Amino acid sequence: MLLVNTTRVAAAERPASIRDLASPRWKGQAAMANPLFGTTTIHMAALFTAWGEEPARAFLREVKANDVRIASSNGEVKRLVASGEVAFGLTDTDDAAEAVKDGAPVAVVYPDQDALGTLLLPTAVVLIKGGPHAESGRRLIDALLAPATERQMAESAAHMPLRPGLTAGTDVRGLDQVRAMQVDYASVASAMERIQPFLRKWVGL
């Protein structure tokens, strides 16, 4: 999602798309985490999957030409936006929610709600087939999937609740309140490895 510094950016002028990272309007005023690591790698792989190879490469070249600041992590992006060193940045829900809870002058924007949609990363739990403690595993899964646990995860870690009616504050929406990017997650996983050479070159390695 996009985290916007409200001191630097008026409500009517807030960026609303990931493509704003490449907009001349925001040249030198945005940040994103190093795409070689973490969820930013997944996000870039999702763009390669959704847009295709060449459009995604062209977008990242435009981002680089737009002097977007490459931070060490999503947490660093949060700090840069909260301090006003940049006007906005691409980050995760947990870091964005933390900035809001800390009282920083920030606003959360779910990007591309009129087109591409916001990338959603599912959190999974699995039961190992043939494992020695299947019943204990099932009980753990039931506990993790309970409404009370879901609410706790939403409130403490800004995980997006799946059940209608479960909320985690005004800055974490439910699944039914967000237009999600339509991607095949198996293809995204495959792209993560495939795009590494391009990303390494992109960051200057």
Protein backbone atom coordinates (compact mmCIF):
# COMPACT_ATOMS: atom_id res chain seq x y z
CA MET A 1 0.00 0.00 0.00
CA LEU A 2 0.98 3.66 -0.18
CA LEU A 3 1.80 5.62 2.96
CA VAL A 4 1.48 9.37 2.43
CA ASN A 5 2.81 12.22 4.55
CA THR A 6 -0.20 14.47 5.15
CA THR A 7 1.93 17.49 6.00
CA ARG A 8 3.56 17.40 2.59
CA VAL A 9 0.61 16.21 0.52
CA ALA A 10 -2.94 17.60 0.62
CA ALA A 11 -5.78 15.07 0.63
CA ALA A 12 -6.89 15.99 -2.89
CA GLU A 13 -3.37 15.47 -4.25
CA ARG A 14 -2.55 12.10 -2.71
CA PRO A 15 -1.08 9.50 -5.06
CA ALA A 16 -3.56 6.74 -5.81
CA SER A 17 -1.58 4.27 -7.90
CA ILE A 18 1.67 2.37 -7.76
CA ARG A 19 2.36 4.06 -11.11
CA ASP A 20 2.74 7.34 -9.20
CA LEU A 21 6.21 6.09 -8.21
CA ALA A 22 7.15 6.82 -11.82
CA SER A 23 5.19 10.07 -12.19
CA PRO A 24 7.26 13.22 -12.86
CA ARG A 25 4.92 14.96 -10.38
CA TRP A 26 6.68 13.00 -7.61
CA LYS A 27 10.23 13.00 -8.92
CA GLY A 28 12.64 12.56 -6.00
CA GLN A 29 9.79 12.52 -3.46
CA ALA A 30 8.95 8.82 -3.09
CA ALA A 31 10.48 5.71 -1.55
CA MET A 32 10.22 1.95 -1.80
CA ALA A 33 12.09 -0.94 -0.20
CA ASN A 34 14.89 -2.77 -1.99
CA PRO A 35 13.08 -5.15 -4.38
CA LEU A 36 15.68 -7.87 -3.89
CA PHE A 37 14.20 -8.74 -0.51
CA GLY A 38 10.97 -9.47 1.32
CA THR A 39 7.48 -8.57 0.23
CA THR A 40 8.75 -5.97 -2.24
CA THR A 41 10.19 -8.83 -4.31
CA ILE A 42 6.75 -10.44 -4.29
CA HIS A 43 5.15 -7.14 -5.30
CA MET A 44 7.51 -6.72 -8.25
CA ALA A 45 6.94 -10.33 -9.31
CA ALA A 46 3.18 -9.70 -9.18
CA LEU A 47 3.59 -6.72 -11.51
CA PHE A 48 5.60 -8.83 -13.94
CA THR A 49 2.81 -11.42 -13.80
CA ALA A 50 -0.06 -8.95 -14.14
CA TRP A 51 1.47 -6.58 -16.71
CA GLY A 52 3.89 -8.82 -18.57
CA GLU A 53 7.69 -8.73 -18.75
CA GLU A 54 8.33 -5.66 -20.88
CA PRO A 55 5.72 -3.33 -19.32
CA ALA A 56 7.00 -4.22 -15.84
CA ARG A 57 10.62 -3.66 -16.84
CA ALA A 58 9.70 -0.34 -18.44
CA PHE A 59 7.87 0.73 -15.28
CA LEU A 60 10.87 -0.05 -13.07
CA ARG A 61 13.16 1.86 -15.42
CA GLU A 62 10.81 4.83 -15.11
CA VAL A 63 10.83 4.47 -11.32
CA LYS A 64 14.61 4.56 -11.31
CA ALA A 65 14.69 7.58 -13.61
CA ASN A 66 12.23 9.29 -11.26
CA ASP A 67 14.80 9.18 -8.43
CA VAL A 68 12.69 7.02 -6.15
CA ARG A 69 14.62 6.43 -2.94
CA ILE A 70 15.47 2.77 -2.36
CA ALA A 71 15.21 2.00 1.35
CA SER A 72 16.64 -0.97 3.22
CA SER A 73 13.20 -2.21 4.31
CA ASN A 74 9.50 -1.39 4.47
CA GLY A 75 10.11 -0.18 8.02
CA GLU A 76 12.63 2.31 6.66
CA VAL A 77 10.08 3.47 4.08
CA LYS A 78 7.66 4.08 6.96
CA ARG A 79 10.28 6.16 8.78
CA LEU A 80 11.09 8.23 5.68
CA VAL A 81 7.42 9.03 5.09
CA ALA A 82 6.61 9.69 8.75
CA SER A 83 9.54 12.09 9.09
CA GLY A 84 8.62 13.93 5.89
CA GLU A 85 11.88 13.08 4.15
CA VAL A 86 9.73 11.79 1.29
CA ALA A 87 6.13 12.57 0.38
CA PHE A 88 4.99 8.96 0.08
CA GLY A 89 6.23 5.42 -0.13
CA LEU A 90 5.26 1.87 -1.02
CA THR A 91 5.10 -0.31 2.09
CA ASP A 92 3.17 -3.07 3.90
CA THR A 93 0.00 -2.87 5.98
CA ASP A 94 1.78 -3.57 9.26
CA ASP A 95 4.33 -0.78 8.83
CA ALA A 96 1.66 1.64 7.62
CA ALA A 97 -0.63 0.79 10.54
CA GLU A 98 2.25 1.22 12.97
CA ALA A 99 2.90 4.73 11.66
CA VAL A 100 -0.77 5.59 12.14
CA LYS A 101 -0.78 4.18 15.68
CA ASP A 102 2.36 6.17 16.48
CA GLY A 103 0.49 9.36 15.60
CA ALA A 104 2.68 10.22 12.63
CA PRO A 105 1.23 12.70 10.10
CA VAL A 106 0.39 9.98 7.58
CA ALA A 107 -2.51 8.58 5.60
CA VAL A 108 -2.92 5.09 4.16
CA VAL A 109 -3.89 4.65 0.50
CA TYR A 110 -4.92 1.33 -0.99
CA PRO A 111 -3.53 1.80 -4.50
CA ASP A 112 -5.18 1.24 -7.86
CA GLN A 113 -8.72 0.79 -6.59
CA ASP A 114 -10.08 1.91 -9.96
CA ALA A 115 -8.00 -0.43 -12.10
CA LEU A 116 -5.23 -2.92 -11.28
CA GLY A 117 -6.17 -3.38 -7.63
CA THR A 118 -4.04 -3.68 -4.51
CA LEU A 119 -1.77 -6.70 -4.16
CA LEU A 120 -2.95 -8.91 -1.30
CA LEU A 121 -0.56 -11.46 0.18
CA PRO A 122 -2.33 -14.44 1.76
CA THR A 123 -1.12 -15.89 5.05
CA ALA A 124 -1.29 -19.69 4.99
CA VAL A 125 -1.24 -22.53 7.50
CA VAL A 126 -0.85 -26.16 6.41
CA LEU A 127 -1.16 -29.59 7.98
CA ILE A 128 1.77 -31.81 7.00
CA LYS A 129 0.48 -35.03 5.46
CA GLY A 130 1.64 -38.03 7.46
CA GLY A 131 3.01 -35.88 10.27
CA PRO A 132 3.30 -37.42 13.75
CA HIS A 133 0.91 -35.03 15.52
CA ALA A 134 -1.98 -34.57 13.11
CA GLU A 135 -4.62 -34.02 15.77
CA SER A 136 -2.56 -31.37 17.57
CA GLY A 137 -1.96 -29.73 14.20
CA ARG A 138 -5.69 -29.63 13.49
CA ARG A 139 -6.36 -28.03 16.87
CA LEU A 140 -3.71 -25.40 16.18
CA ILE A 141 -5.23 -24.66 12.78
CA ASP A 142 -8.70 -24.37 14.31
CA ALA A 143 -7.33 -21.93 16.90
CA LEU A 144 -5.56 -19.85 14.27
CA LEU A 145 -8.70 -19.67 12.14
CA ALA A 146 -10.99 -18.71 15.02
CA PRO A 147 -12.70 -15.29 14.78
CA ALA A 148 -11.02 -14.11 18.00
CA THR A 149 -7.56 -14.95 16.63
CA GLU A 150 -8.37 -13.28 13.33
CA ARG A 151 -9.41 -10.13 15.15
CA GLN A 152 -6.25 -10.22 17.26
CA MET A 153 -4.04 -10.61 14.17
CA ALA A 154 -5.84 -7.74 12.48
CA GLU A 155 -5.46 -5.45 15.49
CA SER A 156 -1.88 -6.33 16.46
CA ALA A 157 -0.27 -7.04 13.08
CA ALA A 158 -2.60 -5.26 10.62
CA HIS A 159 -3.57 -8.51 8.90
CA MET A 160 -6.58 -7.95 6.68
CA PRO A 161 -9.59 -9.76 8.21
CA LEU A 162 -11.42 -12.16 5.90
CA ARG A 163 -14.69 -12.49 7.78
CA PRO A 164 -17.27 -9.78 7.00
CA GLY A 165 -17.84 -7.55 9.98
CA LEU A 166 -14.41 -8.06 11.52
CA THR A 167 -12.51 -4.79 11.67
CA ALA A 168 -9.11 -3.68 12.90
CA GLY A 169 -9.52 0.07 12.96
CA THR A 170 -10.11 2.58 10.22
CA ASP A 171 -6.81 1.99 8.38
CA VAL A 172 -7.04 -1.79 7.89
CA ARG A 173 -9.87 -2.73 5.55
CA GLY A 174 -11.65 -6.04 5.30
CA LEU A 175 -11.31 -8.20 2.20
CA ASP A 176 -14.75 -7.11 1.02
CA GLN A 177 -13.65 -3.46 1.10
CA VAL A 178 -10.66 -3.75 -1.23
CA ARG A 179 -10.33 -4.26 -4.97
CA ALA A 180 -7.63 -6.94 -5.12
CA MET A 181 -5.04 -7.35 -7.84
CA GLN A 182 -5.93 -10.47 -9.81
CA VAL A 183 -2.81 -12.62 -10.02
CA ASP A 184 -1.95 -16.30 -10.10
CA TYR A 185 0.20 -16.79 -7.01
CA ALA A 186 2.00 -19.82 -8.48
CA SER A 187 3.05 -17.63 -11.41
CA VAL A 188 4.15 -14.92 -8.98
CA ALA A 189 6.30 -17.44 -7.11
CA SER A 190 7.91 -18.51 -10.37
CA ALA A 191 8.51 -14.91 -11.43
CA MET A 192 10.27 -14.10 -8.15
CA GLU A 193 13.20 -16.27 -9.18
CA ARG A 194 13.11 -15.36 -12.85
CA ILE A 195 13.32 -11.59 -12.33
CA GLN A 196 16.21 -11.67 -9.86
CA PRO A 197 18.92 -10.96 -12.49
CA PHE A 198 16.97 -7.92 -13.73
CA LEU A 199 16.35 -6.66 -10.19
CA ARG A 200 20.02 -7.06 -9.22
CA LYS A 201 21.03 -5.00 -12.23
CA TRP A 202 18.27 -2.49 -11.48
CA VAL A 203 19.57 -1.83 -7.96
CA GLY A 204 23.13 -1.60 -9.25
CA LEU A 205 24.61 -4.97 -8.27
